[in-house]
C-alpha atoms as a PDB file:
ATOM      1  CA  SER A   1     120.051 -52.979  -4.213  1.00  0.00           C
ATOM      2  CA  SER A   2     118.740 -49.944  -2.365  1.00  0.00           C
ATOM      3  CA  ALA A   3     115.110 -50.957  -3.006  1.00  0.00           C
ATOM      4  CA  THR A   4     115.708 -54.457  -1.593  1.00  0.00           C
ATOM      5  CA  LEU A   5     117.357 -53.013   1.521  1.00  0.00           C
ATOM      6  CA  ASN A   6     114.476 -50.583   2.038  1.00  0.00           C
ATOM      7  CA  LEU A   7     111.966 -53.442   1.695  1.00  0.00           C
ATOM      8  CA  GLN A   8     113.881 -55.505   4.287  1.00  0.00           C
ATOM      9  CA  ILE A   9     113.918 -52.578   6.722  1.00  0.00           C
ATOM     10  CA  ALA A  10     110.207 -51.996   6.160  1.00  0.00           C
ATOM     11  CA  ASN A  11     109.427 -55.669   6.886  1.00  0.00           C
ATOM     12  CA  GLU A  12     111.483 -55.544  10.077  1.00  0.00           C
ATOM     13  CA  ASN A  13     109.674 -52.378  11.168  1.00  0.00           C
ATOM     14  CA  LEU A  14     106.336 -54.085  10.443  1.00  0.00           C
ATOM     15  CA  GLU A  15     107.279 -57.104  12.539  1.00  0.00           C
ATOM     16  CA  THR A  16     108.349 -54.819  15.394  1.00  0.00           C
ATOM     17  CA  ALA A  17     105.098 -52.884  15.177  1.00  0.00           C
ATOM     18  CA  MET A  18     103.063 -56.106  15.216  1.00  0.00           C
ATOM     19  CA  ARG A  19     104.948 -57.364  18.285  1.00  0.00           C
ATOM     20  CA  ASN A  20     104.372 -54.052  20.042  1.00  0.00           C
ATOM     21  CA  LEU A  21     100.687 -54.200  19.176  1.00  0.00           C
ATOM     22  CA  ALA A  22     100.415 -57.744  20.550  1.00  0.00           C
ATOM     23  CA  SER A  23     102.210 -56.649  23.732  1.00  0.00           C
ATOM     24  CA  ALA A  24      99.724 -53.802  24.145  1.00  0.00           C
ATOM     25  CA  THR A  25      96.876 -56.278  24.570  1.00  0.00           C
ATOM     26  CA  ILE A  26      96.352 -57.500  28.142  1.00  0.00           C
ATOM     27  CA  VAL A  27      94.987 -61.034  28.391  1.00  0.00           C
ATOM     28  CA  ALA A  28      93.649 -62.250  31.771  1.00  0.00           C
ATOM     29  CA  PRO A  29      94.817 -65.704  32.912  1.00  0.00           C
ATOM     30  CA  ILE A  30      91.295 -66.464  34.207  1.00  0.00           C
ATOM     31  CA  SER A  31      87.765 -65.313  33.536  1.00  0.00           C
ATOM     32  CA  GLY A  32      86.140 -62.944  36.013  1.00  0.00           C
ATOM     33  CA  MET A  33      84.860 -59.450  36.665  1.00  0.00           C
ATOM     34  CA  VAL A  34      87.080 -56.362  36.775  1.00  0.00           C
ATOM     35  CA  ALA A  35      87.156 -55.206  40.406  1.00  0.00           C
ATOM     36  CA  SER A  36      89.582 -52.281  40.020  1.00  0.00           C
ATOM     37  CA  ILE A  37      91.942 -50.546  37.578  1.00  0.00           C
ATOM     38  CA  SER A  38      94.906 -48.765  39.178  1.00  0.00           C
ATOM     39  CA  THR A  39      95.976 -46.443  36.356  1.00  0.00           C
ATOM     40  CA  THR A  40      94.669 -44.258  33.539  1.00  0.00           C
ATOM     41  CA  VAL A  41      95.457 -43.835  29.850  1.00  0.00           C
ATOM     42  CA  GLY A  42      99.079 -42.746  29.490  1.00  0.00           C
ATOM     43  CA  GLY A  43     100.007 -43.729  33.045  1.00  0.00           C
ATOM     44  CA  ASN A  44     102.704 -46.123  34.170  1.00  0.00           C
ATOM     45  CA  VAL A  45     101.854 -49.767  34.836  1.00  0.00           C
ATOM     46  CA  SER A  46     103.552 -51.783  37.552  1.00  0.00           C
ATOM     47  CA  THR A  47     104.698 -55.285  36.680  1.00  0.00           C
ATOM     48  CA  GLN A  48     104.219 -56.438  40.283  1.00  0.00           C
ATOM     49  CA  SER A  49     100.990 -57.983  41.536  1.00  0.00           C
ATOM     50  CA  THR A  50      99.801 -59.916  44.572  1.00  0.00           C
ATOM     51  CA  GLN A  51      96.750 -62.035  45.304  1.00  0.00           C
ATOM     52  CA  ALA A  52      94.305 -61.124  48.051  1.00  0.00           C
ATOM     53  CA  THR A  53      94.816 -62.662  51.494  1.00  0.00           C
ATOM     54  CA  ALA A  54      92.753 -62.729  54.678  1.00  0.00           C
ATOM     55  CA  THR A  55      94.166 -59.357  55.775  1.00  0.00           C
ATOM     56  CA  THR A  56      95.240 -57.569  52.570  1.00  0.00           C
ATOM     57  CA  GLY A  57      93.591 -56.882  49.247  1.00  0.00           C
ATOM     58  CA  ALA A  58      94.897 -57.850  45.838  1.00  0.00           C
ATOM     59  CA  THR A  59      97.180 -55.429  44.017  1.00  0.00           C
ATOM     60  CA  GLY A  60      97.971 -55.021  40.325  1.00  0.00           C
ATOM     61  CA  PHE A  61      97.166 -52.989  37.235  1.00  0.00           C
ATOM     62  CA  ILE A  62      93.781 -54.698  36.930  1.00  0.00           C
ATOM     63  CA  VAL A  63      92.272 -56.761  39.765  1.00  0.00           C
ATOM     64  CA  LEU A  64      89.828 -59.503  38.794  1.00  0.00           C
ATOM     65  CA  THR A  65      87.333 -61.214  41.048  1.00  0.00           C
ATOM     66  CA  LYS A  66      85.555 -64.471  40.348  1.00  0.00           C
ATOM     67  CA  THR A  67      82.797 -65.202  42.863  1.00  0.00           C
ATOM     68  CA  SER A  68      82.232 -68.682  41.434  1.00  0.00           C
ATOM     69  CA  ALA A  69      85.760 -69.686  42.509  1.00  0.00           C
ATOM     70  CA  LEU A  70      86.192 -67.889  45.831  1.00  0.00           C
ATOM     71  CA  ARG A  71      88.399 -69.273  48.582  1.00  0.00           C
ATOM     72  CA  ALA A  72      87.754 -68.958  52.295  1.00  0.00           C
ATOM     73  CA  TYR A  73      90.472 -68.343  54.879  1.00  0.00           C
ATOM     74  CA  ALA A  74      90.056 -69.005  58.599  1.00  0.00           C
ATOM     75  CA  SER A  75      92.276 -69.360  61.648  1.00  0.00           C
ATOM     76  CA  PHE A  76      92.167 -72.254  64.127  1.00  0.00           C
ATOM     77  CA  SER A  77      93.606 -72.642  67.604  1.00  0.00           C
ATOM     78  CA  GLU A  78      96.471 -75.054  68.143  1.00  0.00           C
ATOM     79  CA  ALA A  79      94.150 -77.711  69.578  1.00  0.00           C
ATOM     80  CA  ASP A  80      91.715 -77.478  66.658  1.00  0.00           C
ATOM     81  CA  ALA A  81      94.432 -77.141  63.996  1.00  0.00           C
ATOM     82  CA  ALA A  82      95.875 -80.498  65.070  1.00  0.00           C
ATOM     83  CA  LYS A  83      92.610 -82.144  63.930  1.00  0.00           C
ATOM     84  CA  VAL A  84      92.217 -80.313  60.622  1.00  0.00           C
ATOM     85  CA  VAL A  85      93.598 -82.020  57.505  1.00  0.00           C
ATOM     86  CA  VAL A  86      93.358 -81.352  53.783  1.00  0.00           C
ATOM     87  CA  GLY A  87      90.191 -82.758  52.217  1.00  0.00           C
ATOM     88  CA  GLN A  88      87.897 -82.505  55.239  1.00  0.00           C
ATOM     89  CA  LYS A  89      84.394 -81.152  54.666  1.00  0.00           C
ATOM     90  CA  VAL A  90      83.594 -77.584  55.707  1.00  0.00           C
ATOM     91  CA  THR A  91      80.232 -75.879  56.270  1.00  0.00           C
ATOM     92  CA  TYR A  92      79.856 -72.092  56.138  1.00  0.00           C
ATOM     93  CA  SER A  93      77.508 -69.425  57.421  1.00  0.00           C
ATOM     94  CA  PHE A  94      77.774 -65.748  56.471  1.00  0.00           C
ATOM     95  CA  ASP A  95      77.310 -62.691  58.679  1.00  0.00           C
ATOM     96  CA  ALA A  96      75.886 -60.596  55.838  1.00  0.00           C
ATOM     97  CA  LEU A  97      73.756 -63.460  54.433  1.00  0.00           C
ATOM     98  CA  PRO A  98      72.017 -65.025  57.463  1.00  0.00           C
ATOM     99  CA  ASN A  99      69.760 -67.207  55.300  1.00  0.00           C
ATOM    100  CA  SER A 100      72.581 -68.638  53.185  1.00  0.00           C
ATOM    101  CA  THR A 101      74.886 -71.566  53.864  1.00  0.00           C
ATOM    102  CA  ALA A 102      77.538 -73.310  51.809  1.00  0.00           C
ATOM    103  CA  THR A 103      79.917 -76.244  51.876  1.00  0.00           C
ATOM    104  CA  GLY A 104      83.496 -76.797  50.812  1.00  0.00           C
ATOM    105  CA  ARG A 105      86.716 -78.641  51.572  1.00  0.00           C
ATOM    106  CA  VAL A 106      89.966 -77.840  53.350  1.00  0.00           C
ATOM    107  CA  LEU A 107      92.431 -76.993  50.583  1.00  0.00           C
ATOM    108  CA  GLN A 108      95.597 -76.102  52.483  1.00  0.00           C
ATOM    109  CA  MET A 109      96.863 -75.617  56.044  1.00  0.00           C
ATOM    110  CA  ASP A 110      99.497 -73.010  56.839  1.00  0.00           C
ATOM    111  CA  LEU A 111     102.798 -74.577  57.891  1.00  0.00           C
ATOM    112  CA  LEU A 112     103.707 -71.709  60.212  1.00  0.00           C
ATOM    113  CA  PRO A 113     101.520 -70.176  62.945  1.00  0.00           C
ATOM    114  CA  THR A 114     100.616 -66.556  63.583  1.00  0.00           C
ATOM    115  CA  THR A 115      99.609 -64.755  66.749  1.00  0.00           C
ATOM    116  CA  SER A 116      96.090 -63.381  67.160  1.00  0.00           C
ATOM    117  CA  GLY A 117      95.071 -61.712  70.416  1.00  0.00           C
ATOM    118  CA  GLY A 118      98.004 -63.309  72.192  1.00  0.00           C
ATOM    119  CA  ALA A 119      97.018 -66.819  71.062  1.00  0.00           C
ATOM    120  CA  THR A 120      98.815 -69.012  68.542  1.00  0.00           C
ATOM    121  CA  VAL A 121      96.650 -69.845  65.528  1.00  0.00           C
ATOM    122  CA  TYR A 122      97.076 -71.666  62.215  1.00  0.00           C
ATOM    123  CA  GLY A 123      95.393 -70.511  59.030  1.00  0.00           C
ATOM    124  CA  ALA A 124      93.525 -72.738  56.584  1.00  0.00           C
ATOM    125  CA  THR A 125      92.503 -72.062  52.991  1.00  0.00           C
ATOM    126  CA  MET A 126      89.219 -73.717  52.005  1.00  0.00           C
ATOM    127  CA  THR A 127      87.140 -74.048  48.862  1.00  0.00           C
ATOM    128  CA  LEU A 128      83.507 -73.027  48.427  1.00  0.00           C
ATOM    129  CA  ASP A 129      81.237 -75.319  46.432  1.00  0.00           C
ATOM    130  CA  GLY A 130      78.966 -73.673  43.911  1.00  0.00           C
ATOM    131  CA  ASN A 131      77.863 -70.039  43.836  1.00  0.00           C
ATOM    132  CA  VAL A 132      76.331 -68.256  46.843  1.00  0.00           C
ATOM    133  CA  PRO A 133      74.005 -65.457  45.664  1.00  0.00           C
ATOM    134  CA  GLY A 134      75.052 -62.116  47.142  1.00  0.00           C
ATOM    135  CA  LEU A 135      78.460 -63.328  48.374  1.00  0.00           C
ATOM    136  CA  LYS A 136      81.246 -60.857  47.671  1.00  0.00           C
ATOM    137  CA  THR A 137      85.009 -60.813  48.104  1.00  0.00           C
ATOM    138  CA  GLY A 138      86.033 -59.798  51.635  1.00  0.00           C
ATOM    139  CA  MET A 139      82.790 -60.736  53.408  1.00  0.00           C
ATOM    140  CA  THR A 140      83.008 -62.356  56.850  1.00  0.00           C
ATOM    141  CA  LEU A 141      82.054 -65.992  57.330  1.00  0.00           C
ATOM    142  CA  SER A 142      82.078 -68.695  60.006  1.00  0.00           C
ATOM    143  CA  ALA A 143      83.592 -72.042  59.040  1.00  0.00           C
ATOM    144  CA  THR A 144      82.942 -75.377  60.730  1.00  0.00           C
ATOM    145  CA  VAL A 145      85.279 -78.215  59.774  1.00  0.00           C
ATOM    146  CA  VAL A 146      83.952 -81.767  60.101  1.00  0.00           C
ATOM    147  CA  VAL A 147      86.923 -83.584  61.659  1.00  0.00           C
ATOM    148  CA  GLY A 148      85.024 -86.858  62.157  1.00  0.00           C
ATOM    149  CA  ASP A 149      81.579 -88.413  62.010  1.00  0.00           C
ATOM    150  CA  ALA A 150      79.880 -91.440  63.511  1.00  0.00           C
ATOM    151  CA  GLN A 151      76.587 -93.204  62.919  1.00  0.00           C
ATOM    152  CA  ASN A 152      74.140 -94.434  65.575  1.00  0.00           C
ATOM    153  CA  VAL A 153      75.946 -92.881  68.538  1.00  0.00           C
ATOM    154  CA  LEU A 154      74.685 -90.722  71.391  1.00  0.00           C
ATOM    155  CA  MET A 155      76.432 -87.492  72.344  1.00  0.00           C
ATOM    156  CA  VAL A 156      76.491 -86.839  76.087  1.00  0.00           C
ATOM    157  CA  PRO A 157      78.229 -84.286  78.316  1.00  0.00           C
ATOM    158  CA  ALA A 158      81.752 -85.442  79.121  1.00  0.00           C
ATOM    159  CA  THR A 159      81.094 -84.764  82.808  1.00  0.00           C
ATOM    160  CA  SER A 160      78.434 -87.507  82.854  1.00  0.00           C
ATOM    161  CA  VAL A 161      80.981 -90.199  81.941  1.00  0.00           C
ATOM    162  CA  SER A 162      83.137 -91.849  84.604  1.00  0.00           C
ATOM    163  CA  THR A 163      85.710 -94.635  84.492  1.00  0.00           C
ATOM    164  CA  ARG A 164      86.655 -97.221  87.105  1.00  0.00           C
ATOM    165  CA  GLY A 165      89.462 -99.534  86.147  1.00  0.00           C
ATOM    166  CA  VAL A 166      88.938-100.500  82.524  1.00  0.00           C
ATOM    167  CA  GLN A 167      85.155-100.004  82.537  1.00  0.00           C
ATOM    168  CA  THR A 168      83.346 -96.769  81.646  1.00  0.00           C
ATOM    169  CA  TYR A 169      79.952 -95.890  83.089  1.00  0.00           C
ATOM    170  CA  VAL A 170      77.195 -93.312  82.967  1.00  0.00           C
ATOM    171  CA  ASN A 171      74.637 -92.783  85.715  1.00  0.00           C
ATOM    172  CA  VAL A 172      71.211 -93.240  84.159  1.00  0.00           C
ATOM    173  CA  VAL A 173      68.100 -91.945  85.917  1.00  0.00           C
ATOM    174  CA  THR A 174      65.221 -94.421  85.604  1.00  0.00           C
ATOM    175  CA  THR A 175      61.848 -94.963  87.269  1.00  0.00           C
ATOM    176  CA  ASP A 176      61.187 -98.102  89.329  1.00  0.00           C
ATOM    177  CA  ALA A 177      57.947-100.009  89.614  1.00  0.00           C
ATOM    178  CA  LYS A 178      56.748 -97.695  92.415  1.00  0.00           C
ATOM    179  CA  GLY A 179      57.326 -94.574  90.358  1.00  0.00           C
ATOM    180  CA  ASN A 180      60.476 -93.518  92.175  1.00  0.00           C
ATOM    181  CA  GLN A 181      63.407 -92.111  90.251  1.00  0.00           C
ATOM    182  CA  ILE A 182      66.656 -93.955  90.873  1.00  0.00           C
ATOM    183  CA  GLN A 183      70.175 -93.676  89.529  1.00  0.00           C
ATOM    184  CA  LYS A 184      71.642 -96.751  87.945  1.00  0.00           C
ATOM    185  CA  ARG A 185      75.292 -97.059  86.950  1.00  0.00           C
ATOM    186  CA  THR A 186      75.276 -98.369  83.385  1.00  0.00           C
ATOM    187  CA  PRO A 187      78.359 -99.678  81.534  1.00  0.00           C
ATOM    188  CA  VAL A 188      78.909 -98.043  78.153  1.00  0.00           C
ATOM    189  CA  VAL A 189      81.369 -98.061  75.279  1.00  0.00           C
ATOM    190  CA  VAL A 190      82.795 -94.624  74.589  1.00  0.00           C
ATOM    191  CA  GLY A 191      83.924 -93.513  71.137  1.00  0.00           C
ATOM    192  CA  ARG A 192      85.563 -90.167  70.468  1.00  0.00           C
ATOM    193  CA  SER A 193      85.713 -87.626  73.266  1.00  0.00           C
ATOM    194  CA  GLU A 194      86.002 -83.875  72.875  1.00  0.00           C
ATOM    195  CA  GLU A 195      86.527 -81.177  75.464  1.00  0.00           C
ATOM    196  CA  HIS A 196      82.858 -81.044  76.459  1.00  0.00           C
ATOM    197  CA  THR A 197      81.190 -84.094  74.896  1.00  0.00           C
ATOM    198  CA  SER A 198      81.688 -87.836  74.442  1.00  0.00           C
ATOM    199  CA  GLU A 199      80.233 -90.354  72.001  1.00  0.00           C
ATOM    200  CA  LEU A 200      78.441 -93.357  73.452  1.00  0.00           C
ATOM    201  CA  GLN A 201      78.505 -96.336  71.120  1.00  0.00           C
ATOM    202  CA  SER A 202      76.310 -98.358  73.503  1.00  0.00           C
ATOM    203  CA  ARG A 203      72.562 -98.141  73.237  1.00  0.00           C
ATOM    204  CA  LEU A 204      70.571 -96.491  76.026  1.00  0.00           C
ATOM    205  CA  HIS A 205      66.816 -96.411  76.402  1.00  0.00           C
ATOM    206  CA  LEU A 206      65.515 -93.241  74.813  1.00  0.00           C
ATOM    207  CA  VAL A 207      63.559 -92.146  77.898  1.00  0.00           C
ATOM    208  CA  CYS A 208      66.559 -92.454  80.185  1.00  0.00           C
ATOM    209  CA  ARG A 209      67.957 -89.304  81.756  1.00  0.00           C
ATOM    210  CA  LEU A 210      71.644 -88.855  82.569  1.00  0.00           C
END
């Protein structure tokens, strides 16, 4: 009948209106604070959005920020990038917060390099543990990645270590019975070596001078 048809049309219109109402509600995928809104009532809304990177800000109708889940991004030279792997510990200091420090972990290394100041660098995304009071999105930080650690070793300048054949030595300055300072070549066992320093796994007397 006509009344039944009208009721069916009314129900369909109600369902359409309810769907439209549900679509008019914006639900954020994460919790956070609203950082910016790019339109006004009655304006058009873009369906495209991008996350913030080290050089560009986030874009979208509404941009959220969550300081308790910030990520850090830093670039490393080729030599340093070869030593950085996912999971390594990171320590941070902040230019704007000189009395604050933080820790984190390497989350991801870029597969492709970029050029910065004529040098080839690789970017790394890193986590920040906990919440740093006063830290805001876009602030500058310094990141130090712990690529290795050793217990009970002595760090010495690499220039103080010499090798003859298969044996490694350091020249240790000691004082003889007459009070004269003499140099004594002392065999040592060397651990990891960096550009400017080497680890000595052998024990030296604490008052010795290289």
